[in-house]
Structures are given as C-alpha cells and as structure tokens.
Amino acid sequence: GRPALGGFVAKQDLKYIGLIHILMKGEMDGNDYDLAKKIRGDIPNLKEWQRVALDEMIEKYLGKRVV
C-alpha cells in the first residue's frame, strides 16, 4: 500500500500542517478554499498520490474540488 500521510506531514512546514488541521476539523469556508489552493501550490515535491490524497481531503470537507 501507499505510505501513511503522517510521515508526509512530518516533513512539511507548519502552513501545511495547519491546512490539514483545518481540513480534519471540517471548518473550511470560501476563504479556506482559496488558502487551500495556495498552500497546495506551495508544497514542494508533491508526489502524485500525496496530491490526490490532499485533493480528496479538501473535496471531502469543503464539498468541492481544488482545481
């Protein structure tokens, strides 16, 4: 299987961890959507499965896809 997201998060900066925290709490609104898009674009060396996992999380909690 693919690696757990936990190991991925540990290597990222606080902005990304903060985004995951927002997503997991399900507190995203329109402004958070813009923030999510920006932070997602800022994450260096994002592997395809990691991008997909992040997109899935955003979609689940926000109800729309980041494009």
PDB file of N, CA and C in Angstrom:
ATOM      1  N   GLY A   1       0.829  -1.214   0.000  1.00  0.00           N
ATOM      2  CA  GLY A   1       0.000   0.000   0.000  1.00  0.00           C
ATOM      3  C   GLY A   1       0.851   1.247   0.000  1.00  0.00           C
ATOM      4  N   ARG A   2       0.202   2.362  -0.126  1.00  0.00           N
ATOM      5  CA  ARG A   2       0.937   3.624  -0.137  1.00  0.00           C
ATOM      6  C   ARG A   2       1.248   4.081   1.287  1.00  0.00           C
ATOM      7  N   PRO A   3       2.266   4.896   1.453  1.00  0.00           N
ATOM      8  CA  PRO A   3       2.664   5.351   2.789  1.00  0.00           C
ATOM      9  C   PRO A   3       1.540   6.145   3.464  1.00  0.00           C
ATOM     10  N   ALA A   4       1.558   6.139   4.782  1.00  0.00           N
ATOM     11  CA  ALA A   4       0.568   6.921   5.528  1.00  0.00           C
ATOM     12  C   ALA A   4       0.858   8.407   5.361  1.00  0.00           C
ATOM     13  N   LEU A   5      -0.178   9.213   5.434  1.00  0.00           N
ATOM     14  CA  LEU A   5       0.005  10.660   5.320  1.00  0.00           C
ATOM     15  C   LEU A   5       0.841  11.221   6.464  1.00  0.00           C
ATOM     16  N   GLY A   6       0.845  10.554   7.619  1.00  0.00           N
ATOM     17  CA  GLY A   6       1.575  11.053   8.779  1.00  0.00           C
ATOM     18  C   GLY A   6       3.039  11.338   8.501  1.00  0.00           C
ATOM     19  N   GLY A   7       3.722  10.416   7.820  1.00  0.00           N
ATOM     20  CA  GLY A   7       5.124  10.615   7.503  1.00  0.00           C
ATOM     21  C   GLY A   7       5.334  11.769   6.547  1.00  0.00           C
ATOM     22  N   PHE A   8       4.359  11.971   5.674  1.00  0.00           N
ATOM     23  CA  PHE A   8       4.405  13.068   4.713  1.00  0.00           C
ATOM     24  C   PHE A   8       4.277  14.395   5.444  1.00  0.00           C
ATOM     25  N   VAL A   9       3.310  14.487   6.357  1.00  0.00           N
ATOM     26  CA  VAL A   9       3.064  15.723   7.091  1.00  0.00           C
ATOM     27  C   VAL A   9       4.279  16.124   7.921  1.00  0.00           C
ATOM     28  N   ALA A  10       4.942  15.134   8.522  1.00  0.00           N
ATOM     29  CA  ALA A  10       6.083  15.416   9.391  1.00  0.00           C
ATOM     30  C   ALA A  10       7.188  16.164   8.655  1.00  0.00           C
ATOM     31  N   LYS A  11       7.261  15.991   7.344  1.00  0.00           N
ATOM     32  CA  LYS A  11       8.337  16.610   6.573  1.00  0.00           C
ATOM     33  C   LYS A  11       7.945  17.975   6.014  1.00  0.00           C
ATOM     34  N   GLN A  12       6.705  18.388   6.248  1.00  0.00           N
ATOM     35  CA  GLN A  12       6.236  19.643   5.657  1.00  0.00           C
ATOM     36  C   GLN A  12       6.250  20.772   6.683  1.00  0.00           C
ATOM     37  N   ASP A  13       6.028  21.996   6.188  1.00  0.00           N
ATOM     38  CA  ASP A  13       6.089  23.133   7.098  1.00  0.00           C
ATOM     39  C   ASP A  13       4.779  23.324   7.848  1.00  0.00           C
ATOM     40  N   LEU A  14       4.770  24.274   8.767  1.00  0.00           N
ATOM     41  CA  LEU A  14       3.616  24.496   9.633  1.00  0.00           C
ATOM     42  C   LEU A  14       2.383  24.933   8.866  1.00  0.00           C
ATOM     43  N   LYS A  15       2.579  25.627   7.745  1.00  0.00           N
ATOM     44  CA  LYS A  15       1.421  26.038   6.945  1.00  0.00           C
ATOM     45  C   LYS A  15       0.644  24.813   6.482  1.00  0.00           C
ATOM     46  N   TYR A  16       1.375  23.793   6.032  1.00  0.00           N
ATOM     47  CA  TYR A  16       0.712  22.594   5.537  1.00  0.00           C
ATOM     48  C   TYR A  16       0.024  21.848   6.669  1.00  0.00           C
ATOM     49  N   ILE A  17       0.712  21.729   7.801  1.00  0.00           N
ATOM     50  CA  ILE A  17       0.113  21.058   8.955  1.00  0.00           C
ATOM     51  C   ILE A  17      -1.139  21.811   9.394  1.00  0.00           C
ATOM     52  N   GLY A  18      -1.088  23.132   9.354  1.00  0.00           N
ATOM     53  CA  GLY A  18      -2.254  23.945   9.687  1.00  0.00           C
ATOM     54  C   GLY A  18      -3.408  23.685   8.734  1.00  0.00           C
ATOM     55  N   LEU A  19      -3.097  23.524   7.452  1.00  0.00           N
ATOM     56  CA  LEU A  19      -4.137  23.236   6.459  1.00  0.00           C
ATOM     57  C   LEU A  19      -4.791  21.892   6.764  1.00  0.00           C
ATOM     58  N   ILE A  20      -3.982  20.880   7.057  1.00  0.00           N
ATOM     59  CA  ILE A  20      -4.523  19.564   7.381  1.00  0.00           C
ATOM     60  C   ILE A  20      -5.417  19.661   8.614  1.00  0.00           C
ATOM     61  N   HIS A  21      -4.984  20.440   9.598  1.00  0.00           N
ATOM     62  CA  HIS A  21      -5.773  20.627  10.819  1.00  0.00           C
ATOM     63  C   HIS A  21      -7.142  21.221  10.481  1.00  0.00           C
ATOM     64  N   ILE A  22      -7.146  22.257   9.643  1.00  0.00           N
ATOM     65  CA  ILE A  22      -8.401  22.876   9.209  1.00  0.00           C
ATOM     66  C   ILE A  22      -9.273  21.846   8.495  1.00  0.00           C
ATOM     67  N   LEU A  23      -8.663  21.089   7.588  1.00  0.00           N
ATOM     68  CA  LEU A  23      -9.419  20.101   6.820  1.00  0.00           C
ATOM     69  C   LEU A  23     -10.017  19.028   7.726  1.00  0.00           C
ATOM     70  N   MET A  24      -9.211  18.520   8.647  1.00  0.00           N
ATOM     71  CA  MET A  24      -9.672  17.441   9.501  1.00  0.00           C
ATOM     72  C   MET A  24     -10.798  17.895  10.414  1.00  0.00           C
ATOM     73  N   LYS A  25     -10.782  19.168  10.815  1.00  0.00           N
ATOM     74  CA  LYS A  25     -11.842  19.699  11.665  1.00  0.00           C
ATOM     75  C   LYS A  25     -13.083  20.038  10.847  1.00  0.00           C
ATOM     76  N   GLY A  26     -12.955  20.025   9.540  1.00  0.00           N
ATOM     77  CA  GLY A  26     -14.096  20.288   8.679  1.00  0.00           C
ATOM     78  C   GLY A  26     -14.591  21.715   8.770  1.00  0.00           C
ATOM     79  N   GLU A  27     -13.665  22.668   8.916  1.00  0.00           N
ATOM     80  CA  GLU A  27     -14.051  24.057   9.120  1.00  0.00           C
ATOM     81  C   GLU A  27     -13.719  24.943   7.927  1.00  0.00           C
ATOM     82  N   MET A  28     -13.643  24.352   6.750  1.00  0.00           N
ATOM     83  CA  MET A  28     -13.291  25.155   5.591  1.00  0.00           C
ATOM     84  C   MET A  28     -14.484  25.934   5.068  1.00  0.00           C
ATOM     85  N   ASP A  29     -14.244  27.199   4.731  1.00  0.00           N
ATOM     86  CA  ASP A  29     -15.260  28.000   4.052  1.00  0.00           C
ATOM     87  C   ASP A  29     -14.639  28.524   2.760  1.00  0.00           C
ATOM     88  N   GLY A  30     -15.258  29.504   2.139  1.00  0.00           N
ATOM     89  CA  GLY A  30     -14.746  30.014   0.871  1.00  0.00           C
ATOM     90  C   GLY A  30     -13.318  30.518   0.957  1.00  0.00           C
ATOM     91  N   ASN A  31     -13.002  31.250   2.028  1.00  0.00           N
ATOM     92  CA  ASN A  31     -11.648  31.764   2.190  1.00  0.00           C
ATOM     93  C   ASN A  31     -10.658  30.629   2.398  1.00  0.00           C
ATOM     94  N   ASP A  32     -11.069  29.607   3.133  1.00  0.00           N
ATOM     95  CA  ASP A  32     -10.197  28.456   3.349  1.00  0.00           C
ATOM     96  C   ASP A  32      -9.923  27.724   2.039  1.00  0.00           C
ATOM     97  N   TYR A  33     -10.907  27.743   1.142  1.00  0.00           N
ATOM     98  CA  TYR A  33     -10.715  27.107  -0.166  1.00  0.00           C
ATOM     99  C   TYR A  33      -9.576  27.796  -0.913  1.00  0.00           C
ATOM    100  N   ASP A  34      -9.589  29.132  -0.915  1.00  0.00           N
ATOM    101  CA  ASP A  34      -8.513  29.874  -1.576  1.00  0.00           C
ATOM    102  C   ASP A  34      -7.177  29.589  -0.903  1.00  0.00           C
ATOM    103  N   LEU A  35      -7.186  29.544   0.417  1.00  0.00           N
ATOM    104  CA  LEU A  35      -5.976  29.239   1.177  1.00  0.00           C
ATOM    105  C   LEU A  35      -5.468  27.839   0.841  1.00  0.00           C
ATOM    106  N   ALA A  36      -6.405  26.897   0.753  1.00  0.00           N
ATOM    107  CA  ALA A  36      -6.034  25.519   0.428  1.00  0.00           C
ATOM    108  C   ALA A  36      -5.362  25.453  -0.937  1.00  0.00           C
ATOM    109  N   LYS A  37      -5.929  26.175  -1.911  1.00  0.00           N
ATOM    110  CA  LYS A  37      -5.334  26.180  -3.247  1.00  0.00           C
ATOM    111  C   LYS A  37      -3.930  26.756  -3.208  1.00  0.00           C
ATOM    112  N   LYS A  38      -3.748  27.851  -2.458  1.00  0.00           N
ATOM    113  CA  LYS A  38      -2.442  28.493  -2.384  1.00  0.00           C
ATOM    114  C   LYS A  38      -1.420  27.576  -1.710  1.00  0.00           C
ATOM    115  N   ILE A  39      -1.792  27.024  -0.558  1.00  0.00           N
ATOM    116  CA  ILE A  39      -0.859  26.171   0.174  1.00  0.00           C
ATOM    117  C   ILE A  39      -0.530  24.927  -0.632  1.00  0.00           C
ATOM    118  N   ARG A  40      -1.545  24.347  -1.263  1.00  0.00           N
ATOM    119  CA  ARG A  40      -1.312  23.156  -2.083  1.00  0.00           C
ATOM    120  C   ARG A  40      -0.299  23.468  -3.181  1.00  0.00           C
ATOM    121  N   GLY A  41      -0.395  24.658  -3.753  1.00  0.00           N
ATOM    122  CA  GLY A  41       0.543  25.061  -4.786  1.00  0.00           C
ATOM    123  C   GLY A  41       1.936  25.337  -4.247  1.00  0.00           C
ATOM    124  N   ASP A  42       2.026  25.626  -2.937  1.00  0.00           N
ATOM    125  CA  ASP A  42       3.302  25.966  -2.313  1.00  0.00           C
ATOM    126  C   ASP A  42       4.091  24.754  -1.837  1.00  0.00           C
ATOM    127  N   ILE A  43       3.437  23.589  -1.760  1.00  0.00           N
ATOM    128  CA  ILE A  43       4.123  22.413  -1.229  1.00  0.00           C
ATOM    129  C   ILE A  43       5.118  21.892  -2.265  1.00  0.00           C
ATOM    130  N   PRO A  44       6.414  21.843  -1.915  1.00  0.00           N
ATOM    131  CA  PRO A  44       7.411  21.391  -2.881  1.00  0.00           C
ATOM    132  C   PRO A  44       7.417  19.870  -3.040  1.00  0.00           C
ATOM    133  N   ASN A  45       7.772  19.424  -4.228  1.00  0.00           N
ATOM    134  CA  ASN A  45       7.977  17.995  -4.487  1.00  0.00           C
ATOM    135  C   ASN A  45       6.792  17.122  -4.076  1.00  0.00           C
ATOM    136  N   LEU A  46       5.605  17.589  -4.380  1.00  0.00           N
ATOM    137  CA  LEU A  46       4.411  16.823  -4.022  1.00  0.00           C
ATOM    138  C   LEU A  46       4.294  15.619  -4.954  1.00  0.00           C
ATOM    139  N   LYS A  47       4.291  14.418  -4.385  1.00  0.00           N
ATOM    140  CA  LYS A  47       4.124  13.208  -5.187  1.00  0.00           C
ATOM    141  C   LYS A  47       2.672  13.089  -5.621  1.00  0.00           C
ATOM    142  N   GLU A  48       2.442  12.362  -6.709  1.00  0.00           N
ATOM    143  CA  GLU A  48       1.085  12.258  -7.252  1.00  0.00           C
ATOM    144  C   GLU A  48       0.087  11.735  -6.221  1.00  0.00           C
ATOM    145  N   TRP A  49       0.438  10.652  -5.511  1.00  0.00           N
ATOM    146  CA  TRP A  49      -0.510  10.102  -4.527  1.00  0.00           C
ATOM    147  C   TRP A  49      -0.771  11.087  -3.392  1.00  0.00           C
ATOM    148  N   GLN A  50       0.241  11.907  -3.063  1.00  0.00           N
ATOM    149  CA  GLN A  50       0.064  12.902  -1.999  1.00  0.00           C
ATOM    150  C   GLN A  50      -0.874  14.012  -2.460  1.00  0.00           C
ATOM    151  N   ARG A  51      -0.706  14.436  -3.712  1.00  0.00           N
ATOM    152  CA  ARG A  51      -1.582  15.462  -4.266  1.00  0.00           C
ATOM    153  C   ARG A  51      -3.021  14.955  -4.299  1.00  0.00           C
ATOM    154  N   VAL A  52      -3.172  13.703  -4.731  1.00  0.00           N
ATOM    155  CA  VAL A  52      -4.506  13.100  -4.796  1.00  0.00           C
ATOM    156  C   VAL A  52      -5.128  13.013  -3.400  1.00  0.00           C
ATOM    157  N   ALA A  53      -4.340  12.577  -2.416  1.00  0.00           N
ATOM    158  CA  ALA A  53      -4.852  12.460  -1.048  1.00  0.00           C
ATOM    159  C   ALA A  53      -5.270  13.819  -0.505  1.00  0.00           C
ATOM    160  N   LEU A  54      -4.460  14.839  -0.773  1.00  0.00           N
ATOM    161  CA  LEU A  54      -4.782  16.191  -0.317  1.00  0.00           C
ATOM    162  C   LEU A  54      -6.042  16.700  -1.001  1.00  0.00           C
ATOM    163  N   ASP A  55      -6.132  16.485  -2.312  1.00  0.00           N
ATOM    164  CA  ASP A  55      -7.327  16.901  -3.051  1.00  0.00           C
ATOM    165  C   ASP A  55      -8.575  16.208  -2.515  1.00  0.00           C
ATOM    166  N   GLU A  56      -8.444  14.916  -2.204  1.00  0.00           N
ATOM    167  CA  GLU A  56      -9.586  14.161  -1.684  1.00  0.00           C
ATOM    168  C   GLU A  56     -10.038  14.716  -0.340  1.00  0.00           C
ATOM    169  N   MET A  57      -9.066  15.071   0.514  1.00  0.00           N
ATOM    170  CA  MET A  57      -9.398  15.642   1.815  1.00  0.00           C
ATOM    171  C   MET A  57     -10.118  16.975   1.659  1.00  0.00           C
ATOM    172  N   ILE A  58      -9.583  17.818   0.771  1.00  0.00           N
ATOM    173  CA  ILE A  58     -10.197  19.123   0.533  1.00  0.00           C
ATOM    174  C   ILE A  58     -11.615  18.942   0.013  1.00  0.00           C
ATOM    175  N   GLU A  59     -11.774  18.025  -0.933  1.00  0.00           N
ATOM    176  CA  GLU A  59     -13.096  17.804  -1.517  1.00  0.00           C
ATOM    177  C   GLU A  59     -14.077  17.282  -0.472  1.00  0.00           C
ATOM    178  N   LYS A  60     -13.614  16.375   0.377  1.00  0.00           N
ATOM    179  CA  LYS A  60     -14.490  15.786   1.393  1.00  0.00           C
ATOM    180  C   LYS A  60     -15.016  16.847   2.352  1.00  0.00           C
ATOM    181  N   TYR A  61     -14.121  17.708   2.830  1.00  0.00           N
ATOM    182  CA  TYR A  61     -14.517  18.658   3.861  1.00  0.00           C
ATOM    183  C   TYR A  61     -15.088  19.952   3.309  1.00  0.00           C
ATOM    184  N   LEU A  62     -14.704  20.304   2.093  1.00  0.00           N
ATOM    185  CA  LEU A  62     -15.182  21.558   1.513  1.00  0.00           C
ATOM    186  C   LEU A  62     -16.381  21.320   0.605  1.00  0.00           C
ATOM    187  N   GLY A  63     -16.474  20.102   0.068  1.00  0.00           N
ATOM    188  CA  GLY A  63     -17.587  19.782  -0.807  1.00  0.00           C
ATOM    189  C   GLY A  63     -17.341  20.175  -2.247  1.00  0.00           C
ATOM    190  N   LYS A  64     -16.111  20.609  -2.557  1.00  0.00           N
ATOM    191  CA  LYS A  64     -15.776  20.880  -3.954  1.00  0.00           C
ATOM    192  C   LYS A  64     -14.299  20.642  -4.181  1.00  0.00           C
ATOM    193  N   ARG A  65     -13.963  20.417  -5.433  1.00  0.00           N
ATOM    194  CA  ARG A  65     -12.601  20.083  -5.789  1.00  0.00           C
ATOM    195  C   ARG A  65     -11.715  21.310  -5.925  1.00  0.00           C
ATOM    196  N   VAL A  66     -10.457  21.145  -5.558  1.00  0.00           N
ATOM    197  CA  VAL A  66      -9.466  22.179  -5.840  1.00  0.00           C
ATOM    198  C   VAL A  66      -8.974  21.945  -7.258  1.00  0.00           C
ATOM    199  N   VAL A  67      -9.090  22.958  -8.102  1.00  0.00           N
ATOM    200  CA  VAL A  67      -8.660  22.820  -9.499  1.00  0.00           C
ATOM    201  C   VAL A  67      -7.649  23.896  -9.849  1.00  0.00           C
TER     202      VAL A  67
END
